[in-house]
Every structure is written in C-alpha cells, then in structure tokens.
C-alpha atoms as a PDB file:
ATOM      1  CA  UNK A   1      11.900 -10.633  24.111  1.00  0.00           C
ATOM      2  CA  UNK A   2       7.846 -10.509  23.545  1.00  0.00           C
ATOM      3  CA  UNK A   3       5.483  -8.012  25.226  1.00  0.00           C
ATOM      4  CA  UNK A   4       2.268  -7.974  24.942  1.00  0.00           C
ATOM      5  CA  UNK A   5      -0.401  -5.327  25.592  1.00  0.00           C
ATOM      6  CA  UNK A   6      -3.768  -6.519  26.601  1.00  0.00           C
ATOM      7  CA  UNK A   7      -7.194  -5.022  28.291  1.00  0.00           C
ATOM      8  CA  UNK A   8     -10.438  -6.389  29.723  1.00  0.00           C
ATOM      9  CA  UNK A   9     -12.109  -4.519  27.282  1.00  0.00           C
ATOM     10  CA  UNK A  10     -12.049  -2.272  24.752  1.00  0.00           C
ATOM     11  CA  UNK A  11     -11.324   1.754  24.776  1.00  0.00           C
ATOM     12  CA  UNK A  12      -9.148   1.224  27.868  1.00  0.00           C
ATOM     13  CA  UNK A  13      -5.848   3.089  25.650  1.00  0.00           C
ATOM     14  CA  UNK A  14      -4.386  -0.715  25.017  1.00  0.00           C
ATOM     15  CA  UNK A  15      -3.462   0.437  21.548  1.00  0.00           C
ATOM     16  CA  UNK A  16      -2.371   4.037  22.662  1.00  0.00           C
ATOM     17  CA  UNK A  17       0.212   1.970  24.970  1.00  0.00           C
ATOM     18  CA  UNK A  18       1.350  -0.005  22.351  1.00  0.00           C
ATOM     19  CA  UNK A  19       2.044   2.824  19.597  1.00  0.00           C
ATOM     20  CA  UNK A  20       3.949   5.199  22.051  1.00  0.00           C
ATOM     21  CA  UNK A  21       5.876   2.003  23.284  1.00  0.00           C
ATOM     22  CA  UNK A  22       7.031   1.306  20.047  1.00  0.00           C
ATOM     23  CA  UNK A  23       8.119   4.930  19.154  1.00  0.00           C
ATOM     24  CA  UNK A  24      10.401   5.090  22.385  1.00  0.00           C
ATOM     25  CA  UNK A  25      11.820   1.632  21.828  1.00  0.00           C
ATOM     26  CA  UNK A  26      15.492   2.624  20.620  1.00  0.00           C
ATOM     27  CA  UNK A  27      16.359  -0.414  18.465  1.00  0.00           C
ATOM     28  CA  UNK A  28      14.233  -1.845  15.618  1.00  0.00           C
ATOM     29  CA  UNK A  29      10.852  -3.493  16.778  1.00  0.00           C
ATOM     30  CA  UNK A  30       8.166  -5.728  15.435  1.00  0.00           C
ATOM     31  CA  UNK A  31       4.821  -4.435  16.475  1.00  0.00           C
ATOM     32  CA  UNK A  32       1.769  -7.275  15.719  1.00  0.00           C
ATOM     33  CA  UNK A  33      -1.839  -6.098  15.567  1.00  0.00           C
ATOM     34  CA  UNK A  34      -3.710  -9.166  16.614  1.00  0.00           C
ATOM     35  CA  UNK A  35      -6.911  -7.258  17.043  1.00  0.00           C
ATOM     36  CA  UNK A  36      -7.676  -8.544  13.705  1.00  0.00           C
ATOM     37  CA  UNK A  37     -11.278  -7.785  13.913  1.00  0.00           C
ATOM     38  CA  UNK A  38     -10.590  -4.091  14.686  1.00  0.00           C
ATOM     39  CA  UNK A  39      -7.021  -3.106  13.794  1.00  0.00           C
ATOM     40  CA  UNK A  40      -6.189   0.363  13.971  1.00  0.00           C
ATOM     41  CA  UNK A  41      -2.409   0.253  14.959  1.00  0.00           C
ATOM     42  CA  UNK A  42      -1.581   1.269  11.276  1.00  0.00           C
ATOM     43  CA  UNK A  43      -3.589   4.654  11.838  1.00  0.00           C
ATOM     44  CA  UNK A  44      -0.642   5.656  14.112  1.00  0.00           C
ATOM     45  CA  UNK A  45       2.222   3.745  13.040  1.00  0.00           C
ATOM     46  CA  UNK A  46       2.058   4.841   9.362  1.00  0.00           C
ATOM     47  CA  UNK A  47       4.617   3.238   7.008  1.00  0.00           C
ATOM     48  CA  UNK A  48       5.315   1.432   3.513  1.00  0.00           C
ATOM     49  CA  UNK A  49       3.317  -0.976   2.518  1.00  0.00           C
ATOM     50  CA  UNK A  50       5.957  -3.998   2.179  1.00  0.00           C
ATOM     51  CA  UNK A  51       3.374  -7.246   1.566  1.00  0.00           C
ATOM     52  CA  UNK A  52      -0.214  -8.050   1.929  1.00  0.00           C
ATOM     53  CA  UNK A  53      -1.283 -11.818   1.368  1.00  0.00           C
ATOM     54  CA  UNK A  54      -4.513 -13.811   2.104  1.00  0.00           C
ATOM     55  CA  UNK A  55      -5.091 -15.418   5.341  1.00  0.00           C
ATOM     56  CA  UNK A  56      -6.578 -19.124   4.868  1.00  0.00           C
ATOM     57  CA  UNK A  57      -7.885 -22.279   6.583  1.00  0.00           C
ATOM     58  CA  UNK A  58      -8.446 -25.740   5.167  1.00  0.00           C
ATOM     59  CA  UNK A  59     -12.181 -26.679   4.803  1.00  0.00           C
ATOM     60  CA  UNK A  60     -13.917 -29.672   3.272  1.00  0.00           C
ATOM     61  CA  UNK A  61     -15.066 -29.892  -0.486  1.00  0.00           C
ATOM     62  CA  UNK A  62     -17.092 -32.894  -1.386  1.00  0.00           C
ATOM     63  CA  UNK A  63     -16.474 -35.094  -4.235  1.00  0.00           C
ATOM     64  CA  UNK A  64     -19.880 -36.639  -4.919  1.00  0.00           C
ATOM     65  CA  UNK A  65     -19.289 -39.745  -7.011  1.00  0.00           C
ATOM     66  CA  UNK A  66     -17.658 -41.759  -4.315  1.00  0.00           C
ATOM     67  CA  UNK A  67     -19.723 -40.429  -1.261  1.00  0.00           C
ATOM     68  CA  UNK A  68     -22.529 -42.597  -0.288  1.00  0.00           C
ATOM     69  CA  UNK A  69     -24.285 -40.203   2.323  1.00  0.00           C
ATOM     70  CA  UNK A  70     -23.100 -42.397   5.453  1.00  0.00           C
ATOM     71  CA  UNK A  71     -23.173 -39.331   7.558  1.00  0.00           C
ATOM     72  CA  UNK A  72     -20.223 -39.850   9.313  1.00  0.00           C
ATOM     73  CA  UNK A  73     -18.760 -36.413   8.411  1.00  0.00           C
ATOM     74  CA  UNK A  74     -21.658 -34.886  10.342  1.00  0.00           C
ATOM     75  CA  UNK A  75     -21.329 -36.978  12.958  1.00  0.00           C
ATOM     76  CA  UNK A  76     -17.742 -36.418  14.110  1.00  0.00           C
ATOM     77  CA  UNK A  77     -17.860 -32.304  13.401  1.00  0.00           C
ATOM     78  CA  UNK A  78     -17.878 -30.870  16.617  1.00  0.00           C
ATOM     79  CA  UNK A  79     -19.142 -27.365  15.170  1.00  0.00           C
ATOM     80  CA  UNK A  80     -21.944 -28.253  13.089  1.00  0.00           C
ATOM     81  CA  UNK A  81     -20.501 -27.366  10.041  1.00  0.00           C
ATOM     82  CA  UNK A  82     -21.745 -30.408   7.922  1.00  0.00           C
ATOM     83  CA  UNK A  83     -25.337 -31.559   7.160  1.00  0.00           C
ATOM     84  CA  UNK A  84     -26.441 -34.116   5.192  1.00  0.00           C
ATOM     85  CA  UNK A  85     -29.314 -33.451   3.058  1.00  0.00           C
ATOM     86  CA  UNK A  86     -31.112 -36.299   0.624  1.00  0.00           C
ATOM     87  CA  UNK A  87     -28.078 -38.215   1.195  1.00  0.00           C
ATOM     88  CA  UNK A  88     -25.790 -35.683   0.494  1.00  0.00           C
ATOM     89  CA  UNK A  89     -23.186 -33.796   2.482  1.00  0.00           C
ATOM     90  CA  UNK A  90     -23.481 -29.878   2.513  1.00  0.00           C
ATOM     91  CA  UNK A  91     -20.848 -27.668   3.800  1.00  0.00           C
ATOM     92  CA  UNK A  92     -20.976 -24.548   6.031  1.00  0.00           C
ATOM     93  CA  UNK A  93     -17.739 -23.079   5.361  1.00  0.00           C
ATOM     94  CA  UNK A  94     -18.093 -19.905   8.241  1.00  0.00           C
ATOM     95  CA  UNK A  95     -18.586 -22.609  10.759  1.00  0.00           C
ATOM     96  CA  UNK A  96     -16.013 -25.008   9.881  1.00  0.00           C
ATOM     97  CA  UNK A  97     -12.814 -24.653  12.313  1.00  0.00           C
ATOM     98  CA  UNK A  98     -10.246 -26.351  10.074  1.00  0.00           C
ATOM     99  CA  UNK A  99     -10.053 -29.587  12.468  1.00  0.00           C
ATOM    100  CA  UNK A 100      -9.863 -32.200   9.693  1.00  0.00           C
ATOM    101  CA  UNK A 101     -12.059 -34.568  11.422  1.00  0.00           C
ATOM    102  CA  UNK A 102     -14.798 -35.034   8.520  1.00  0.00           C
ATOM    103  CA  UNK A 103     -11.765 -35.878   5.899  1.00  0.00           C
ATOM    104  CA  UNK A 104      -9.983 -38.050   8.354  1.00  0.00           C
ATOM    105  CA  UNK A 105     -12.942 -40.508   9.165  1.00  0.00           C
ATOM    106  CA  UNK A 106     -14.930 -40.406   5.839  1.00  0.00           C
ATOM    107  CA  UNK A 107     -14.707 -43.665   4.890  1.00  0.00           C
ATOM    108  CA  UNK A 108     -15.139 -43.078   0.765  1.00  0.00           C
ATOM    109  CA  UNK A 109     -12.205 -40.342   1.225  1.00  0.00           C
ATOM    110  CA  UNK A 110     -14.922 -38.140  -0.609  1.00  0.00           C
ATOM    111  CA  UNK A 111     -13.706 -35.145   1.385  1.00  0.00           C
ATOM    112  CA  UNK A 112     -10.711 -32.879   0.616  1.00  0.00           C
ATOM    113  CA  UNK A 113      -9.451 -30.190   2.089  1.00  0.00           C
ATOM    114  CA  UNK A 114      -8.947 -27.011   0.381  1.00  0.00           C
ATOM    115  CA  UNK A 115      -7.937 -23.352   1.161  1.00  0.00           C
ATOM    116  CA  UNK A 116     -10.769 -20.777   2.163  1.00  0.00           C
ATOM    117  CA  UNK A 117      -9.760 -17.206   2.788  1.00  0.00           C
ATOM    118  CA  UNK A 118     -10.775 -15.332   5.681  1.00  0.00           C
ATOM    119  CA  UNK A 119      -9.011 -12.712   6.007  1.00  0.00           C
ATOM    120  CA  UNK A 120      -5.389 -10.631   4.983  1.00  0.00           C
ATOM    121  CA  UNK A 121      -2.151 -10.221   6.740  1.00  0.00           C
ATOM    122  CA  UNK A 122      -0.499  -6.982   5.979  1.00  0.00           C
ATOM    123  CA  UNK A 123       3.075  -5.704   6.450  1.00  0.00           C
ATOM    124  CA  UNK A 124       4.091  -2.320   6.858  1.00  0.00           C
ATOM    125  CA  UNK A 125       7.447  -0.490   7.571  1.00  0.00           C
ATOM    126  CA  UNK A 126       8.857   2.801   8.915  1.00  0.00           C
ATOM    127  CA  UNK A 127      12.282   3.415   9.964  1.00  0.00           C
ATOM    128  CA  UNK A 128      12.919   1.177  12.867  1.00  0.00           C
ATOM    129  CA  UNK A 129       8.980   0.131  13.398  1.00  0.00           C
ATOM    130  CA  UNK A 130       7.396  -2.780  11.150  1.00  0.00           C
ATOM    131  CA  UNK A 131       4.224  -3.655  11.662  1.00  0.00           C
ATOM    132  CA  UNK A 132       2.340  -6.799  10.581  1.00  0.00           C
ATOM    133  CA  UNK A 133      -1.319  -6.571  11.344  1.00  0.00           C
ATOM    134  CA  UNK A 134      -4.268  -9.218  10.388  1.00  0.00           C
ATOM    135  CA  UNK A 135      -7.829  -7.906   9.060  1.00  0.00           C
ATOM    136  CA  UNK A 136     -10.722 -10.718   9.278  1.00  0.00           C
ATOM    137  CA  UNK A 137     -12.869 -10.208   6.314  1.00  0.00           C
ATOM    138  CA  UNK A 138     -16.302  -8.984   6.934  1.00  0.00           C
ATOM    139  CA  UNK A 139     -19.040 -11.924   7.556  1.00  0.00           C
ATOM    140  CA  UNK A 140     -16.258 -14.303   8.982  1.00  0.00           C
ATOM    141  CA  UNK A 141     -16.314 -15.380  12.214  1.00  0.00           C
ATOM    142  CA  UNK A 142     -12.981 -16.900  13.258  1.00  0.00           C
ATOM    143  CA  UNK A 143     -10.528 -14.757  14.452  1.00  0.00           C
ATOM    144  CA  UNK A 144      -7.454 -17.120  16.131  1.00  0.00           C
ATOM    145  CA  UNK A 145      -6.291 -18.604  12.605  1.00  0.00           C
ATOM    146  CA  UNK A 146      -5.790 -15.195  11.013  1.00  0.00           C
ATOM    147  CA  UNK A 147      -3.937 -14.052  14.578  1.00  0.00           C
ATOM    148  CA  UNK A 148      -1.875 -16.903  14.203  1.00  0.00           C
ATOM    149  CA  UNK A 149      -1.006 -16.426  10.867  1.00  0.00           C
ATOM    150  CA  UNK A 150       0.173 -12.827  12.118  1.00  0.00           C
ATOM    151  CA  UNK A 151       2.394 -14.382  14.685  1.00  0.00           C
ATOM    152  CA  UNK A 152       3.962 -16.419  12.489  1.00  0.00           C
ATOM    153  CA  UNK A 153       5.864 -13.794  11.106  1.00  0.00           C
ATOM    154  CA  UNK A 154       7.426 -13.112  14.217  1.00  0.00           C
ATOM    155  CA  UNK A 155       8.865 -16.566  13.890  1.00  0.00           C
ATOM    156  CA  UNK A 156      11.355 -14.927  11.206  1.00  0.00           C
ATOM    157  CA  UNK A 157      12.024 -11.918  12.465  1.00  0.00           C
ATOM    158  CA  UNK A 158      15.204 -10.077  12.891  1.00  0.00           C
ATOM    159  CA  UNK A 159      13.963  -7.662  15.428  1.00  0.00           C
ATOM    160  CA  UNK A 160      14.958  -8.377  19.396  1.00  0.00           C
ATOM    161  CA  UNK A 161      11.668  -6.857  20.347  1.00  0.00           C
ATOM    162  CA  UNK A 162       8.300  -8.320  19.636  1.00  0.00           C
ATOM    163  CA  UNK A 163       5.442  -5.768  20.663  1.00  0.00           C
ATOM    164  CA  UNK A 164       1.800  -7.628  20.791  1.00  0.00           C
ATOM    165  CA  UNK A 165      -1.366  -5.738  20.580  1.00  0.00           C
ATOM    166  CA  UNK A 166      -4.118  -8.246  21.776  1.00  0.00           C
ATOM    167  CA  UNK A 167      -7.605  -7.985  21.038  1.00  0.00           C
ATOM    168  CA  UNK A 168      -9.787  -6.797  24.134  1.00  0.00           C
ATOM    169  CA  UNK A 169     -11.475  -8.922  26.327  1.00  0.00           C
ATOM    170  CA  UNK A 170     -10.557 -12.334  27.577  1.00  0.00           C
ATOM    171  CA  UNK A 171     -11.551 -14.648  24.967  1.00  0.00           C
ATOM    172  CA  UNK A 172      -9.612 -16.823  22.517  1.00  0.00           C
ATOM    173  CA  UNK A 173      -8.153 -14.101  20.486  1.00  0.00           C
ATOM    174  CA  UNK A 174      -6.694 -12.958  23.548  1.00  0.00           C
ATOM    175  CA  UNK A 175      -5.566 -15.691  25.036  1.00  0.00           C
ATOM    176  CA  UNK A 176      -3.861 -16.873  21.768  1.00  0.00           C
ATOM    177  CA  UNK A 177      -1.881 -13.821  21.267  1.00  0.00           C
ATOM    178  CA  UNK A 178      -0.341 -13.612  24.947  1.00  0.00           C
ATOM    179  CA  UNK A 179       0.137 -17.398  25.257  1.00  0.00           C
ATOM    180  CA  UNK A 180       3.724 -17.022  24.434  1.00  0.00           C
ATOM    181  CA  UNK A 181       4.602 -13.773  25.834  1.00  0.00           C
ATOM    182  CA  UNK A 182       7.445 -12.907  28.272  1.00  0.00           C
ATOM    183  CA  UNK A 183       5.194 -10.073  29.967  1.00  0.00           C
ATOM    184  CA  UNK A 184       1.669  -8.817  29.832  1.00  0.00           C
ATOM    185  CA  UNK A 185       1.015  -5.065  30.062  1.00  0.00           C
ATOM    186  CA  UNK A 186      -2.801  -4.921  31.349  1.00  0.00           C
ATOM    187  CA  UNK A 187      -4.669  -1.586  30.483  1.00  0.00           C
ATOM    188  CA  UNK A 188      -7.243  -0.493  32.843  1.00  0.00           C
ATOM    189  CA  UNK A 189      -9.140   2.598  33.693  1.00  0.00           C
ATOM    190  CA  UNK A 190      -9.805   4.083  37.175  1.00  0.00           C
ATOM    191  CA  UNK A 191     -13.874   3.452  37.163  1.00  0.00           C
ATOM    192  CA  UNK A 192     -16.253   0.642  38.457  1.00  0.00           C
ATOM    193  CA  UNK A 193     -16.234  -0.924  34.764  1.00  0.00           C
ATOM    194  CA  UNK A 194     -12.301  -0.823  34.388  1.00  0.00           C
ATOM    195  CA  UNK A 195     -12.118  -3.003  37.711  1.00  0.00           C
ATOM    196  CA  UNK A 196     -14.706  -5.522  36.414  1.00  0.00           C
ATOM    197  CA  UNK A 197     -13.030  -6.036  33.326  1.00  0.00           C
ATOM    198  CA  UNK A 198      -9.334  -5.847  34.936  1.00  0.00           C
ATOM    199  CA  UNK A 199     -10.620  -8.622  37.129  1.00  0.00           C
ATOM    200  CA  UNK A 200     -11.220 -10.814  34.252  1.00  0.00           C
ATOM    201  CA  UNK A 201      -8.006 -10.244  32.531  1.00  0.00           C
ATOM    202  CA  UNK A 202      -5.868 -10.816  35.818  1.00  0.00           C
ATOM    203  CA  UNK A 203      -8.095 -14.221  36.210  1.00  0.00           C
ATOM    204  CA  UNK A 204      -6.974 -14.942  32.486  1.00  0.00           C
ATOM    205  CA  UNK A 205      -3.404 -14.014  32.757  1.00  0.00           C
ATOM    206  CA  UNK A 206      -2.954 -15.882  35.910  1.00  0.00           C
ATOM    207  CA  UNK A 207      -4.375 -18.853  34.313  1.00  0.00           C
ATOM    208  CA  UNK A 208      -1.840 -18.884  31.489  1.00  0.00           C
ATOM    209  CA  UNK A 209       0.715 -17.862  34.148  1.00  0.00           C
ATOM    210  CA  UNK A 210       2.718 -15.135  32.440  1.00  0.00           C
ATOM    211  CA  UNK A 211       4.035 -12.609  34.577  1.00  0.00           C
ATOM    212  CA  UNK A 212       2.498  -9.170  34.282  1.00  0.00           C
ATOM    213  CA  UNK A 213       1.664  -5.526  35.434  1.00  0.00           C
ATOM    214  CA  UNK A 214      -0.942  -2.815  35.395  1.00  0.00           C
ATOM    215  CA  UNK A 215      -0.907   0.488  33.576  1.00  0.00           C
ATOM    216  CA  UNK A 216      -4.022   2.849  34.892  1.00  0.00           C
ATOM    217  CA  UNK A 217      -4.540   5.003  32.189  1.00  0.00           C
ATOM    218  CA  UNK A 218      -6.744   8.083  32.332  1.00  0.00           C
ATOM    219  CA  UNK A 219      -5.444   8.252  35.822  1.00  0.00           C
ATOM    220  CA  UNK A 220      -7.413  10.929  37.817  1.00  0.00           C
ATOM    221  CA  UNK A 221     -10.793  10.469  35.740  1.00  0.00           C
ATOM    222  CA  UNK A 222     -12.380   8.263  38.267  1.00  0.00           C
ATOM    223  CA  UNK A 223     -11.644   6.503  41.755  1.00  0.00           C
ATOM    224  CA  UNK A 224      -8.994   4.426  43.498  1.00  0.00           C
ATOM    225  CA  UNK A 225     -10.829   1.166  43.451  1.00  0.00           C
ATOM    226  CA  UNK A 226      -8.487  -0.147  40.568  1.00  0.00           C
ATOM    227  CA  UNK A 227      -5.348   0.805  42.833  1.00  0.00           C
ATOM    228  CA  UNK A 228      -6.817  -0.694  46.019  1.00  0.00           C
ATOM    229  CA  UNK A 229      -7.286  -3.763  43.873  1.00  0.00           C
ATOM    230  CA  UNK A 230      -3.730  -4.214  42.730  1.00  0.00           C
ATOM    231  CA  UNK A 231      -2.593  -3.428  46.388  1.00  0.00           C
ATOM    232  CA  UNK A 232      -4.594  -6.004  47.985  1.00  0.00           C
ATOM    233  CA  UNK A 233      -3.717  -8.602  45.414  1.00  0.00           C
ATOM    234  CA  UNK A 234      -0.193  -7.851  45.169  1.00  0.00           C
ATOM    235  CA  UNK A 235      -0.195  -6.502  41.606  1.00  0.00           C
ATOM    236  CA  UNK A 236       1.942  -4.106  40.450  1.00  0.00           C
ATOM    237  CA  UNK A 237       0.866  -0.758  38.790  1.00  0.00           C
ATOM    238  CA  UNK A 238       3.934  -0.014  36.387  1.00  0.00           C
ATOM    239  CA  UNK A 239       2.917   2.944  35.086  1.00  0.00           C
ATOM    240  CA  UNK A 240       0.249   5.719  35.512  1.00  0.00           C
ATOM    241  CA  UNK A 241      -1.192   7.892  32.312  1.00  0.00           C
ATOM    242  CA  UNK A 242      -2.674  10.878  33.680  1.00  0.00           C
ATOM    243  CA  UNK A 243      -6.294  12.161  32.366  1.00  0.00           C
ATOM    244  CA  UNK A 244      -5.427  14.681  29.938  1.00  0.00           C
ATOM    245  CA  UNK A 245      -7.706  16.228  27.215  1.00  0.00           C
ATOM    246  CA  UNK A 246      -4.895  17.249  25.141  1.00  0.00           C
ATOM    247  CA  UNK A 247      -3.984  13.731  24.689  1.00  0.00           C
ATOM    248  CA  UNK A 248      -7.245  12.917  23.505  1.00  0.00           C
ATOM    249  CA  UNK A 249      -7.471  15.740  21.068  1.00  0.00           C
ATOM    250  CA  UNK A 250      -3.863  14.404  19.485  1.00  0.00           C
ATOM    251  CA  UNK A 251      -4.933  10.959  19.652  1.00  0.00           C
ATOM    252  CA  UNK A 252      -8.357  11.669  17.829  1.00  0.00           C
ATOM    253  CA  UNK A 253      -6.323  12.856  14.851  1.00  0.00           C
ATOM    254  CA  UNK A 254      -4.015  10.526  14.896  1.00  0.00           C
ATOM    255  CA  UNK A 255      -0.791  12.498  16.438  1.00  0.00           C
ATOM    256  CA  UNK A 256       2.108  11.796  18.157  1.00  0.00           C
ATOM    257  CA  UNK A 257       1.874  12.848  21.756  1.00  0.00           C
ATOM    258  CA  UNK A 258       5.574  12.294  22.149  1.00  0.00           C
ATOM    259  CA  UNK A 259       6.567  15.147  19.656  1.00  0.00           C
ATOM    260  CA  UNK A 260       3.539  17.160  20.865  1.00  0.00           C
ATOM    261  CA  UNK A 261       3.277  16.940  24.601  1.00  0.00           C
ATOM    262  CA  UNK A 262       6.225  15.185  26.304  1.00  0.00           C
ATOM    263  CA  UNK A 263       5.202  11.911  27.414  1.00  0.00           C
ATOM    264  CA  UNK A 264       8.587  10.221  26.348  1.00  0.00           C
ATOM    265  CA  UNK A 265       9.950   9.660  29.755  1.00  0.00           C
ATOM    266  CA  UNK A 266       6.728   7.742  30.924  1.00  0.00           C
ATOM    267  CA  UNK A 267       7.322   5.288  28.491  1.00  0.00           C
ATOM    268  CA  UNK A 268      10.970   5.456  28.525  1.00  0.00           C
ATOM    269  CA  UNK A 269      10.584   4.254  32.076  1.00  0.00           C
ATOM    270  CA  UNK A 270       7.993   1.788  31.500  1.00  0.00           C
ATOM    271  CA  UNK A 271      10.054  -0.192  29.151  1.00  0.00           C
ATOM    272  CA  UNK A 272      12.755  -0.235  31.772  1.00  0.00           C
ATOM    273  CA  UNK A 273      10.232  -1.528  34.373  1.00  0.00           C
ATOM    274  CA  UNK A 274       9.380  -4.403  31.883  1.00  0.00           C
ATOM    275  CA  UNK A 275      12.904  -5.325  31.365  1.00  0.00           C
ATOM    276  CA  UNK A 276      13.469  -5.588  34.956  1.00  0.00           C
ATOM    277  CA  UNK A 277      10.264  -7.522  35.397  1.00  0.00           C
ATOM    278  CA  UNK A 278      11.339 -10.172  32.685  1.00  0.00           C
ATOM    279  CA  UNK A 279      15.029 -10.165  34.035  1.00  0.00           C
ATOM    280  CA  UNK A 280      14.004 -11.538  37.719  1.00  0.00           C
ATOM    281  CA  UNK A 281      11.685 -13.924  36.310  1.00  0.00           C
ATOM    282  CA  UNK A 282      14.688 -15.480  34.223  1.00  0.00           C
ATOM    283  CA  UNK A 283      16.678 -15.472  37.467  1.00  0.00           C
ATOM    284  CA  UNK A 284      13.558 -17.514  39.310  1.00  0.00           C
ATOM    285  CA  UNK A 285      13.376 -19.675  36.501  1.00  0.00           C
ATOM    286  CA  UNK A 286      17.026 -20.075  36.276  1.00  0.00           C
END
C-alpha cells in the first residue's frame, strides 16, 4: 500500500504526520521524502547511511564538426534551452527538461545526450524504517526527475507499506509524488490561510482521482472554517492533532513525541482509518 502525505502549503505539519505514522507502523516501512528542495524527514528518522548516488538527467552535447547551424534544435526545444549564436548551438543545461527532441530532430546527428547531475538520492536505515530522500543541488530547477528517482527505489522494495512525504503546494512535484498513491492525507491548519490552501489541494487530488482524507493539525488554534468546508463537501476528517506547545518544543529539538507525550494511540487509530478507507475503495472497484 502507498500512502502520500500532502498539504496545500508548507508548515502545516506534513512531515510531522509522516514521521509519526512511520514510527507507529508495526511492520517494516519504506519512507520516501519527495520534498527534494527541502528534505527534512532525516532530522527525525535518523539512521545509518546505506547508499548515496547522484540523480541525473540527459542533456544534449554538441559535436561542432557535423553541425551546420540549421537552428532546428532551437526551434523544436519547447523550453528555450538552446540558442544558436553565430551558427553554433549554445546549450543551457539548467533549462533542459531532457525531452530528447533536439537530438531526435537534428538532421546532422550533431547532438548527443550525456548525463547531467542535478541532485542526490540518499538511503538510510533505522530498525524497521527505511528512508530514501532526494536532495536537489543548489541552483538546479528540476525537482520532478529527482522525485522520479526517489520513487523508483520503491519498485524493488521488500516493505509492504510505502509512505510518501510530498512537497507542499499543488504544483508538478506534488502531483508526481501522489500520482500512484492508494490514499492521500491532506494536512491542514484551521485558519483562513489553511482553508485557502486546503481548497487548492482538494481540487488537485480530486482531479488526480485518488481517495483522500483531511488531518487537522494544531486543532484549536484558529476557528472552524476548515471543518465547515469539509462538512459541506463531504470530506472526511480522519484525525485531529491538538494545538499543544509541548509538541512544538519536542519537535523543534528533533525529539519523539510518542515517547515524551503519548500520541501513540492517535496515530495508530489514523492507520486503522487509512486501512479501512483503502479497503473500501478496493471493494468499490471490484
């Protein structure tokens, strides 16, 4: 089973929920930190370094000998990653989306694709939790290829449960993360900003067509507008995490709230609800 934890904006407690779900799962679990621009799950799920490898994309390299400056490569590039200056193609590697069109349509076969490093994929292991995270390199713009690399690791996983920590927001990285999930947890704060971004997240998940539920984090800090929204649109609130300063204190120093303050039952119940939701969807599809 694949469960993704997402949110309409950063700072709602998405990683907090991911970490504590991982800690309360009774069997081996694989956690994928797909928030490659700001991965922080490793701060809480500390473990031994198992593997580290570069994440690459294919970008074109020009062989100037056969190139006649015909400009076809620049014309077919949808991302303006190629400019032909004085009859010679100039490649902007950080704009390239690795679509391969330039090399395919070059009539002189003057473009060859070579690997270009844009990030790193890191694997850590601690007891029954295996964590794989992606880290985009400073100055690079393409998060999706790294997320794709992180998710590839789950194809050969022995664990029966995969938990994905999604990037915040509703852009391409979030959609790529949740795309093949069996269930999505949307974490929201009960505030005006929280409601606005939850609405965007709900629209996105509904468009993708994946069952989901809402976890209200910091419950009690704002008002009931998120609850009213969920009631009006028949969206299940599957858990409420109370606003508690002690949680913030423990979390700020990378501690385990399941040990220092007993929230074990809350996250165990959340797992039960998720399992029931997924099973009910399987019955419907059957």
